Each structure stands twice: as structure tokens, then as C-alpha cells.
N, C-alpha and C. Protein backbone atom coordinates (compact mmCIF):
# COMPACT_ATOMS: atom_id res chain seq x y z
N ARG A 1 11.11 5.41 19.21
CA ARG A 1 12.41 5.52 18.55
C ARG A 1 13.05 4.14 18.39
N ASN A 2 12.91 3.29 19.42
CA ASN A 2 13.47 1.94 19.35
C ASN A 2 12.77 1.13 18.25
N MET A 3 11.44 1.30 18.11
CA MET A 3 10.70 0.61 17.07
C MET A 3 11.15 1.08 15.69
N LYS A 4 11.44 2.38 15.58
CA LYS A 4 11.92 2.93 14.31
C LYS A 4 13.26 2.30 13.94
N LYS A 5 14.14 2.15 14.93
CA LYS A 5 15.43 1.52 14.69
C LYS A 5 15.26 0.08 14.25
N ARG A 6 14.33 -0.64 14.87
CA ARG A 6 14.07 -2.04 14.49
C ARG A 6 13.56 -2.13 13.06
N SER A 7 12.65 -1.22 12.70
CA SER A 7 12.11 -1.21 11.34
C SER A 7 13.20 -0.94 10.33
N VAL A 8 14.06 0.01 10.65
CA VAL A 8 15.16 0.35 9.76
C VAL A 8 16.12 -0.84 9.65
N LEU A 9 16.40 -1.49 10.76
CA LEU A 9 17.27 -2.65 10.75
C LEU A 9 16.69 -3.76 9.87
N CYS A 10 15.40 -3.99 10.01
CA CYS A 10 14.74 -5.01 9.18
C CYS A 10 14.84 -4.65 7.71
N LEU A 11 14.60 -3.39 7.39
CA LEU A 11 14.69 -2.93 6.01
C LEU A 11 16.09 -3.12 5.46
N LEU A 12 17.09 -2.75 6.24
CA LEU A 12 18.47 -2.88 5.78
C LEU A 12 18.87 -4.34 5.59
N ILE A 13 18.42 -5.20 6.49
CA ILE A 13 18.72 -6.63 6.35
C ILE A 13 18.08 -7.17 5.09
N CYS A 14 16.83 -6.80 4.85
CA CYS A 14 16.15 -7.25 3.63
C CYS A 14 16.88 -6.73 2.39
N ALA A 15 17.31 -5.48 2.44
CA ALA A 15 18.04 -4.90 1.30
C ALA A 15 19.31 -5.69 1.04
N LEU A 16 20.03 -6.01 2.10
CA LEU A 16 21.26 -6.77 1.93
C LEU A 16 20.98 -8.17 1.38
N LEU A 17 19.94 -8.80 1.88
CA LEU A 17 19.60 -10.14 1.40
C LEU A 17 19.27 -10.11 -0.08
N PHE A 18 18.48 -9.15 -0.50
CA PHE A 18 18.11 -9.07 -1.91
C PHE A 18 19.31 -8.70 -2.77
N SER A 19 20.06 -7.69 -2.36
CA SER A 19 21.14 -7.21 -3.22
C SER A 19 22.29 -8.19 -3.34
N MET A 20 22.51 -9.00 -2.33
CA MET A 20 23.62 -9.96 -2.39
C MET A 20 23.14 -11.36 -2.73
N SER A 21 21.82 -11.52 -2.88
CA SER A 21 21.22 -12.83 -3.19
C SER A 21 21.68 -13.91 -2.23
N ILE A 22 21.68 -13.58 -0.95
CA ILE A 22 22.06 -14.56 0.06
C ILE A 22 20.99 -15.63 0.14
N GLN A 23 21.41 -16.86 0.10
CA GLN A 23 20.46 -17.95 0.15
C GLN A 23 20.35 -18.50 1.56
N ALA A 24 21.25 -18.12 2.42
CA ALA A 24 21.25 -18.51 3.82
C ALA A 24 20.87 -19.97 3.99
N SER A 25 20.21 -20.27 5.08
CA SER A 25 19.81 -21.65 5.31
C SER A 25 18.53 -21.99 4.56
N ALA A 26 17.91 -21.00 3.95
CA ALA A 26 16.65 -21.23 3.23
C ALA A 26 16.82 -22.27 2.14
N GLN A 27 17.96 -22.30 1.50
CA GLN A 27 18.16 -23.22 0.39
C GLN A 27 18.16 -24.67 0.88
N ASP A 28 18.59 -24.90 2.10
CA ASP A 28 18.64 -26.25 2.63
C ASP A 28 17.26 -26.82 2.93
N VAL A 29 16.30 -25.95 3.28
CA VAL A 29 15.00 -26.44 3.68
C VAL A 29 13.88 -26.00 2.76
N TYR A 30 14.15 -25.17 1.81
CA TYR A 30 13.15 -24.60 0.93
C TYR A 30 12.75 -25.59 -0.15
N ASP A 31 11.48 -25.85 -0.28
CA ASP A 31 10.99 -26.80 -1.28
C ASP A 31 10.19 -26.03 -2.33
N PRO A 32 10.79 -25.70 -3.47
CA PRO A 32 10.09 -24.89 -4.47
C PRO A 32 8.90 -25.60 -5.09
N SER A 33 8.74 -26.90 -4.89
CA SER A 33 7.60 -27.60 -5.47
C SER A 33 6.31 -27.31 -4.71
N VAL A 34 6.44 -26.79 -3.50
CA VAL A 34 5.24 -26.48 -2.72
C VAL A 34 4.67 -25.16 -3.24
N SER A 35 3.50 -25.22 -3.83
CA SER A 35 2.75 -24.05 -4.28
C SER A 35 3.58 -23.16 -5.19
N ASN A 36 4.24 -23.75 -6.17
CA ASN A 36 5.00 -22.99 -7.16
C ASN A 36 6.02 -22.05 -6.52
N GLY A 37 6.68 -22.49 -5.50
CA GLY A 37 7.73 -21.69 -4.87
C GLY A 37 7.24 -20.79 -3.77
N CYS A 38 5.97 -20.82 -3.46
CA CYS A 38 5.40 -19.93 -2.45
C CYS A 38 5.07 -20.75 -1.21
N SER A 39 5.97 -20.75 -0.22
CA SER A 39 5.75 -21.58 0.95
C SER A 39 6.42 -21.01 2.18
N THR A 40 6.08 -21.58 3.32
CA THR A 40 6.78 -21.23 4.54
C THR A 40 8.21 -21.75 4.41
N LEU A 41 9.09 -21.25 5.24
CA LEU A 41 10.51 -21.58 5.12
C LEU A 41 10.78 -23.07 5.19
N ASP A 42 10.06 -23.79 6.04
CA ASP A 42 10.33 -25.22 6.15
C ASP A 42 9.77 -26.01 4.97
N GLY A 43 9.05 -25.34 4.06
CA GLY A 43 8.55 -25.99 2.87
C GLY A 43 7.38 -26.91 3.13
N SER A 44 6.87 -26.93 4.37
CA SER A 44 5.82 -27.89 4.70
C SER A 44 4.44 -27.47 4.24
N LYS A 45 4.20 -26.18 4.08
CA LYS A 45 2.87 -25.74 3.67
C LYS A 45 2.97 -24.40 2.94
N PRO A 46 2.06 -24.17 2.03
CA PRO A 46 2.02 -22.87 1.36
C PRO A 46 1.64 -21.78 2.36
N LEU A 47 1.95 -20.56 2.04
CA LEU A 47 1.60 -19.43 2.88
C LEU A 47 0.09 -19.43 3.13
N LEU A 48 -0.32 -19.26 4.36
CA LEU A 48 -1.72 -19.23 4.78
C LEU A 48 -2.48 -20.49 4.35
N ASN A 49 -1.76 -21.59 4.20
CA ASN A 49 -2.34 -22.89 3.85
C ASN A 49 -3.09 -22.89 2.53
N ASN A 50 -2.76 -22.00 1.64
CA ASN A 50 -3.30 -22.10 0.29
C ASN A 50 -2.26 -21.57 -0.69
N ARG A 51 -2.62 -21.46 -1.93
CA ARG A 51 -1.65 -21.14 -2.98
C ARG A 51 -1.52 -19.64 -3.23
N ILE A 52 -1.47 -18.86 -2.18
CA ILE A 52 -1.31 -17.43 -2.33
C ILE A 52 0.13 -17.13 -2.75
N GLN A 53 0.25 -16.31 -3.75
CA GLN A 53 1.57 -15.86 -4.19
C GLN A 53 1.55 -14.34 -4.14
N VAL A 54 2.65 -13.72 -3.79
CA VAL A 54 2.72 -12.28 -3.73
C VAL A 54 2.51 -11.74 -5.14
N GLU A 55 1.48 -10.94 -5.33
CA GLU A 55 1.18 -10.38 -6.65
C GLU A 55 2.28 -9.44 -7.10
N ASN A 56 2.62 -9.50 -8.34
CA ASN A 56 3.59 -8.59 -8.96
C ASN A 56 4.96 -8.63 -8.31
N ALA A 57 5.33 -9.72 -7.70
CA ALA A 57 6.64 -9.84 -7.09
C ALA A 57 7.38 -11.02 -7.69
N SER A 58 8.65 -10.80 -7.97
CA SER A 58 9.48 -11.89 -8.48
C SER A 58 10.06 -12.71 -7.34
N ALA A 59 10.20 -12.09 -6.18
CA ALA A 59 10.77 -12.76 -5.02
C ALA A 59 10.35 -12.01 -3.76
N ALA A 60 10.37 -12.71 -2.64
CA ALA A 60 10.03 -12.07 -1.37
C ALA A 60 10.69 -12.82 -0.22
N ILE A 61 11.02 -12.07 0.82
CA ILE A 61 11.53 -12.65 2.05
C ILE A 61 10.86 -11.90 3.20
N LEU A 62 10.32 -12.64 4.16
CA LEU A 62 9.73 -12.04 5.35
C LEU A 62 10.59 -12.46 6.54
N TYR A 63 11.16 -11.46 7.20
CA TYR A 63 12.09 -11.69 8.30
C TYR A 63 11.56 -11.01 9.55
N GLU A 64 11.46 -11.73 10.65
CA GLU A 64 10.97 -11.19 11.90
C GLU A 64 12.18 -10.82 12.76
N VAL A 65 12.35 -9.52 12.99
CA VAL A 65 13.56 -9.00 13.62
C VAL A 65 13.71 -9.41 15.07
N SER A 66 12.64 -9.31 15.86
CA SER A 66 12.79 -9.52 17.30
C SER A 66 13.17 -10.96 17.67
N THR A 67 12.81 -11.92 16.82
CA THR A 67 13.20 -13.31 17.10
C THR A 67 14.27 -13.81 16.15
N ASP A 68 14.76 -12.94 15.28
CA ASP A 68 15.80 -13.30 14.32
C ASP A 68 15.38 -14.54 13.52
N THR A 69 14.13 -14.49 13.00
CA THR A 69 13.57 -15.65 12.32
C THR A 69 13.19 -15.30 10.88
N LEU A 70 13.63 -16.12 9.95
CA LEU A 70 13.20 -16.00 8.56
C LEU A 70 11.90 -16.79 8.46
N ILE A 71 10.77 -16.10 8.21
CA ILE A 71 9.46 -16.71 8.29
C ILE A 71 8.96 -17.22 6.94
N TYR A 72 9.18 -16.47 5.91
CA TYR A 72 8.58 -16.79 4.61
C TYR A 72 9.55 -16.44 3.49
N THR A 73 9.59 -17.28 2.48
CA THR A 73 10.39 -16.97 1.31
C THR A 73 9.61 -17.31 0.05
N TYR A 74 9.88 -16.57 -0.97
CA TYR A 74 9.34 -16.86 -2.30
C TYR A 74 10.46 -16.56 -3.29
N ASN A 75 10.93 -17.58 -3.96
CA ASN A 75 12.06 -17.45 -4.89
C ASN A 75 13.25 -16.74 -4.23
N ALA A 76 13.58 -17.18 -3.05
CA ALA A 76 14.63 -16.54 -2.26
C ALA A 76 16.00 -16.62 -2.92
N ASP A 77 16.19 -17.57 -3.81
CA ASP A 77 17.50 -17.72 -4.44
C ASP A 77 17.61 -16.96 -5.77
N THR A 78 16.59 -16.18 -6.10
CA THR A 78 16.60 -15.40 -7.33
C THR A 78 17.39 -14.11 -7.12
N GLN A 79 18.37 -13.83 -7.97
CA GLN A 79 19.12 -12.60 -7.85
C GLN A 79 18.24 -11.43 -8.25
N MET A 80 18.18 -10.42 -7.40
CA MET A 80 17.34 -9.26 -7.64
C MET A 80 18.19 -8.00 -7.60
N TYR A 81 17.83 -7.04 -8.45
CA TYR A 81 18.51 -5.75 -8.41
C TYR A 81 17.80 -4.88 -7.37
N PRO A 82 18.56 -4.16 -6.55
CA PRO A 82 17.98 -3.47 -5.40
C PRO A 82 17.46 -2.06 -5.68
N SER A 83 17.05 -1.75 -6.91
CA SER A 83 16.71 -0.37 -7.26
C SER A 83 15.68 0.26 -6.33
N SER A 84 14.57 -0.38 -6.08
CA SER A 84 13.57 0.21 -5.20
C SER A 84 14.05 0.27 -3.76
N LEU A 85 14.85 -0.70 -3.36
CA LEU A 85 15.40 -0.66 -2.01
C LEU A 85 16.37 0.50 -1.85
N THR A 86 17.09 0.83 -2.90
CA THR A 86 17.99 1.98 -2.79
C THR A 86 17.19 3.27 -2.65
N LYS A 87 16.01 3.30 -3.23
CA LYS A 87 15.16 4.49 -3.06
C LYS A 87 14.66 4.60 -1.63
N ILE A 88 14.39 3.47 -1.00
CA ILE A 88 13.98 3.50 0.40
C ILE A 88 15.14 4.00 1.27
N LEU A 89 16.34 3.53 1.00
CA LEU A 89 17.50 4.01 1.74
C LEU A 89 17.73 5.50 1.46
N THR A 90 17.54 5.90 0.22
CA THR A 90 17.64 7.32 -0.13
C THR A 90 16.65 8.13 0.70
N ALA A 91 15.41 7.67 0.78
CA ALA A 91 14.39 8.38 1.56
C ALA A 91 14.78 8.48 3.02
N LEU A 92 15.28 7.40 3.59
CA LEU A 92 15.70 7.40 4.98
C LEU A 92 16.78 8.46 5.23
N ILE A 93 17.79 8.47 4.37
CA ILE A 93 18.88 9.44 4.55
C ILE A 93 18.39 10.87 4.35
N VAL A 94 17.52 11.08 3.38
CA VAL A 94 16.98 12.42 3.14
C VAL A 94 16.18 12.88 4.35
N ILE A 95 15.33 12.02 4.87
CA ILE A 95 14.50 12.39 6.03
C ILE A 95 15.37 12.73 7.23
N GLU A 96 16.44 11.98 7.42
CA GLU A 96 17.32 12.23 8.57
C GLU A 96 18.19 13.47 8.39
N ASN A 97 18.37 13.93 7.16
CA ASN A 97 19.34 15.00 6.91
C ASN A 97 18.74 16.25 6.27
N SER A 98 17.43 16.38 6.29
CA SER A 98 16.83 17.58 5.72
C SER A 98 15.47 17.83 6.36
N ASN A 99 14.93 18.98 6.06
CA ASN A 99 13.61 19.36 6.52
C ASN A 99 12.63 19.09 5.39
N LEU A 100 11.53 18.41 5.66
CA LEU A 100 10.57 18.04 4.63
C LEU A 100 9.95 19.26 3.94
N GLU A 101 9.91 20.39 4.62
CA GLU A 101 9.31 21.59 4.04
C GLU A 101 10.31 22.46 3.27
N ASP A 102 11.59 22.08 3.31
CA ASP A 102 12.59 22.82 2.52
C ASP A 102 12.20 22.78 1.05
N THR A 103 12.51 23.87 0.34
CA THR A 103 12.28 23.88 -1.10
C THR A 103 13.60 23.68 -1.81
N VAL A 104 13.52 23.03 -2.96
CA VAL A 104 14.69 22.70 -3.76
C VAL A 104 14.44 23.22 -5.18
N VAL A 105 15.47 23.81 -5.77
CA VAL A 105 15.39 24.23 -7.16
C VAL A 105 16.00 23.13 -8.02
N VAL A 106 15.23 22.61 -8.95
CA VAL A 106 15.69 21.54 -9.83
C VAL A 106 16.68 22.13 -10.85
N LYS A 107 17.86 21.53 -10.92
CA LYS A 107 18.90 22.01 -11.84
C LYS A 107 18.98 21.11 -13.07
N GLN A 108 19.15 21.71 -14.22
CA GLN A 108 19.24 20.96 -15.47
C GLN A 108 20.41 19.99 -15.45
N GLU A 109 21.54 20.38 -14.85
CA GLU A 109 22.70 19.49 -14.83
C GLU A 109 22.43 18.21 -14.04
N ILE A 110 21.52 18.27 -13.06
CA ILE A 110 21.14 17.07 -12.33
C ILE A 110 20.24 16.21 -13.21
N LEU A 111 19.28 16.83 -13.85
CA LEU A 111 18.37 16.09 -14.74
C LEU A 111 19.13 15.40 -15.86
N ASP A 112 20.21 16.02 -16.31
CA ASP A 112 21.01 15.44 -17.40
C ASP A 112 21.72 14.15 -16.99
N THR A 113 21.85 13.91 -15.68
CA THR A 113 22.52 12.69 -15.22
C THR A 113 21.59 11.48 -15.18
N VAL A 114 20.29 11.71 -15.30
CA VAL A 114 19.31 10.63 -15.20
C VAL A 114 19.22 9.93 -16.55
N GLU A 115 19.34 8.61 -16.52
CA GLU A 115 19.31 7.81 -17.73
C GLU A 115 18.01 8.02 -18.50
N LYS A 116 18.13 8.20 -19.79
CA LYS A 116 16.95 8.37 -20.65
C LYS A 116 16.09 7.12 -20.57
N GLY A 117 14.79 7.29 -20.46
CA GLY A 117 13.86 6.17 -20.39
C GLY A 117 13.65 5.63 -18.98
N ALA A 118 14.40 6.13 -18.00
CA ALA A 118 14.25 5.68 -16.62
C ALA A 118 12.95 6.24 -16.03
N SER A 119 12.46 5.62 -14.97
CA SER A 119 11.28 6.13 -14.29
C SER A 119 11.53 7.57 -13.87
N SER A 120 10.54 8.41 -14.07
CA SER A 120 10.74 9.83 -13.86
C SER A 120 9.47 10.52 -13.40
N ALA A 121 9.63 11.60 -12.67
CA ALA A 121 8.51 12.46 -12.29
C ALA A 121 8.37 13.60 -13.29
N ASP A 122 9.19 13.56 -14.34
CA ASP A 122 9.20 14.62 -15.37
C ASP A 122 9.44 16.00 -14.76
N LEU A 123 10.42 16.06 -13.86
CA LEU A 123 10.80 17.35 -13.28
C LEU A 123 11.34 18.25 -14.38
N VAL A 124 11.19 19.55 -14.17
CA VAL A 124 11.61 20.54 -15.16
C VAL A 124 12.66 21.44 -14.52
N ALA A 125 13.67 21.78 -15.29
CA ALA A 125 14.73 22.67 -14.78
C ALA A 125 14.12 23.97 -14.24
N ASP A 126 14.67 24.42 -13.13
CA ASP A 126 14.27 25.64 -12.41
C ASP A 126 12.93 25.51 -11.68
N GLU A 127 12.34 24.33 -11.71
CA GLU A 127 11.13 24.07 -10.93
C GLU A 127 11.50 24.12 -9.45
N VAL A 128 10.64 24.68 -8.63
CA VAL A 128 10.85 24.73 -7.19
C VAL A 128 9.86 23.75 -6.56
N ILE A 129 10.40 22.83 -5.77
CA ILE A 129 9.57 21.76 -5.21
C ILE A 129 10.08 21.43 -3.80
N THR A 130 9.18 21.02 -2.93
CA THR A 130 9.59 20.70 -1.55
C THR A 130 10.26 19.33 -1.49
N VAL A 131 11.07 19.16 -0.47
CA VAL A 131 11.69 17.86 -0.22
C VAL A 131 10.60 16.81 -0.06
N LYS A 132 9.55 17.14 0.64
CA LYS A 132 8.44 16.21 0.86
C LYS A 132 7.84 15.74 -0.47
N ASP A 133 7.60 16.66 -1.38
CA ASP A 133 7.02 16.27 -2.68
C ASP A 133 8.01 15.47 -3.52
N LEU A 134 9.28 15.80 -3.42
CA LEU A 134 10.29 14.99 -4.12
C LEU A 134 10.32 13.56 -3.57
N LEU A 135 10.20 13.44 -2.25
CA LEU A 135 10.15 12.11 -1.64
C LEU A 135 8.93 11.33 -2.13
N TYR A 136 7.79 11.99 -2.19
CA TYR A 136 6.58 11.32 -2.68
C TYR A 136 6.77 10.82 -4.11
N THR A 137 7.28 11.68 -4.98
CA THR A 137 7.44 11.25 -6.38
C THR A 137 8.48 10.15 -6.50
N MET A 138 9.53 10.23 -5.68
CA MET A 138 10.56 9.20 -5.73
C MET A 138 10.01 7.85 -5.28
N LEU A 139 9.24 7.84 -4.20
CA LEU A 139 8.76 6.59 -3.64
C LEU A 139 7.51 6.04 -4.35
N VAL A 140 6.61 6.91 -4.74
CA VAL A 140 5.37 6.45 -5.37
C VAL A 140 5.58 6.17 -6.85
N ASP A 141 6.29 7.07 -7.53
CA ASP A 141 6.50 6.91 -8.98
C ASP A 141 7.82 6.25 -9.31
N SER A 142 8.62 5.94 -8.28
CA SER A 142 9.96 5.40 -8.48
C SER A 142 10.79 6.33 -9.35
N ALA A 143 10.63 7.61 -9.12
CA ALA A 143 11.22 8.64 -9.97
C ALA A 143 12.71 8.84 -9.72
N ASN A 144 13.51 8.46 -10.70
CA ASN A 144 14.96 8.61 -10.60
C ASN A 144 15.39 10.07 -10.61
N ASP A 145 14.68 10.92 -11.32
CA ASP A 145 15.04 12.33 -11.33
C ASP A 145 14.86 12.95 -9.94
N SER A 146 13.81 12.57 -9.25
CA SER A 146 13.60 13.05 -7.88
C SER A 146 14.70 12.57 -6.95
N ALA A 147 15.09 11.30 -7.10
CA ALA A 147 16.17 10.75 -6.27
C ALA A 147 17.47 11.52 -6.50
N ALA A 148 17.77 11.82 -7.75
CA ALA A 148 19.01 12.55 -8.07
C ALA A 148 18.98 13.95 -7.47
N VAL A 149 17.85 14.64 -7.58
CA VAL A 149 17.73 16.00 -7.03
C VAL A 149 17.87 15.95 -5.51
N LEU A 150 17.25 14.99 -4.87
CA LEU A 150 17.36 14.86 -3.41
C LEU A 150 18.79 14.56 -2.98
N ALA A 151 19.46 13.70 -3.72
CA ALA A 151 20.84 13.35 -3.37
C ALA A 151 21.73 14.59 -3.38
N VAL A 152 21.59 15.39 -4.41
CA VAL A 152 22.40 16.61 -4.51
C VAL A 152 22.00 17.60 -3.43
N HIS A 153 20.72 17.69 -3.14
CA HIS A 153 20.25 18.60 -2.08
C HIS A 153 20.87 18.25 -0.73
N VAL A 154 20.93 16.96 -0.42
CA VAL A 154 21.43 16.52 0.89
C VAL A 154 22.95 16.55 0.97
N SER A 155 23.63 16.11 -0.09
CA SER A 155 25.08 15.91 0.00
C SER A 155 25.92 16.76 -0.93
N GLY A 156 25.30 17.54 -1.79
CA GLY A 156 26.07 18.39 -2.68
C GLY A 156 26.38 17.74 -4.02
N SER A 157 26.42 16.41 -4.04
CA SER A 157 26.64 15.68 -5.30
C SER A 157 26.09 14.26 -5.14
N GLN A 158 25.84 13.63 -6.28
CA GLN A 158 25.36 12.25 -6.22
C GLN A 158 26.44 11.32 -5.67
N ASP A 159 27.69 11.55 -6.04
CA ASP A 159 28.78 10.71 -5.54
C ASP A 159 28.90 10.80 -4.02
N ALA A 160 28.78 12.01 -3.48
CA ALA A 160 28.86 12.18 -2.02
C ALA A 160 27.68 11.49 -1.35
N PHE A 161 26.52 11.53 -1.99
CA PHE A 161 25.34 10.87 -1.43
C PHE A 161 25.52 9.36 -1.43
N VAL A 162 26.06 8.82 -2.52
CA VAL A 162 26.32 7.37 -2.59
C VAL A 162 27.28 6.96 -1.48
N ALA A 163 28.28 7.78 -1.23
CA ALA A 163 29.22 7.49 -0.13
C ALA A 163 28.47 7.47 1.21
N LYS A 164 27.54 8.40 1.38
CA LYS A 164 26.74 8.44 2.61
C LYS A 164 25.87 7.19 2.72
N MET A 165 25.31 6.73 1.60
CA MET A 165 24.49 5.52 1.60
C MET A 165 25.34 4.30 1.99
N ASN A 166 26.51 4.20 1.37
CA ASN A 166 27.40 3.07 1.68
C ASN A 166 27.83 3.08 3.13
N GLU A 167 28.10 4.26 3.66
CA GLU A 167 28.48 4.39 5.06
C GLU A 167 27.33 3.92 5.96
N ARG A 168 26.13 4.31 5.61
CA ARG A 168 24.95 3.96 6.41
C ARG A 168 24.70 2.45 6.40
N VAL A 169 24.79 1.84 5.23
CA VAL A 169 24.53 0.41 5.13
C VAL A 169 25.67 -0.36 5.74
């Protein structure tokens, strides 16, 4: 349980760093010329002593919780939108506040709130699906429709769920 709390704390700290674009002390010692911005925090050497860059990532921060140490940064000063991180927080709150085997009926009024063209699991009105499967589609497919359905399932409305997320963070 203590390890779970540490993991959650690390996740939340990373979410805050990304969403607020905190540059912390990294900007003072970070040398973007080392390996195209991919280096250890002190800028002295590239990650793993070669030019490895995180594939498909615009930015990255590796933070070690037990020693309160920022270990690695890649484009740490780049402002990032926290969309996927909000899905992780959504999953955490859903897991803590529901049973994974519960079934949920997808409502058309919830689907209507999802922005057209957004990532979707293509849920259909009146479809019956488990919380577990909604979590899978939300996390694997980045499905906004699944996130919206889960939010309403847990809190009664998306606004109430957002309030719960803000309270948690």
C-alpha cells in the first residue's frame, strides 16, 4: 500500500510538472546541446552515454520519489497539455470509487458531450460495458467517450467528477 502511495505521488508530481511547465532548477543546469536535448539533468552526458531519445515523446521528466531527485529531462521547458495524464488521474479515481466488474449503460447525452474528432472507443448509446473495459479503452485507446462515461458513472456528472479530480490533485 505504501508503494502504491509513492507511485501515485510520483505520477501526480509528474502531472503537475507537465501541466504547469515548471522548469525548476533544471533550466539552470540543463544543456540542450547535449544529444539534441536528451541528457542527464546536469547536462554532462546523454542518457545511457549515447544519443538515445525517448521515441514518440515531445518531452520527458524522470523523477525519483524516495530521494526527491530529478534524474533525467528531455525538453523539460516545453509546455505540454496534460490530456493523457488526466486520463491516468481519471483511472485512479475510478478504480478507487467503483467496482471493476460493475456494468455501465452508455447514455447518448454523455456521448454528445465528447468533442467531434476526439479519440474515441466508438461507444454506442445503450451499450452495456464493464467499468474494467471502459478503463481499458480509455487508457489504451485514449478514448474520451470512455472517460466521459466513467466520470458520470462515478460522480453523476462530468462537472462533479472534475471537482473530484481537482480535490484529489
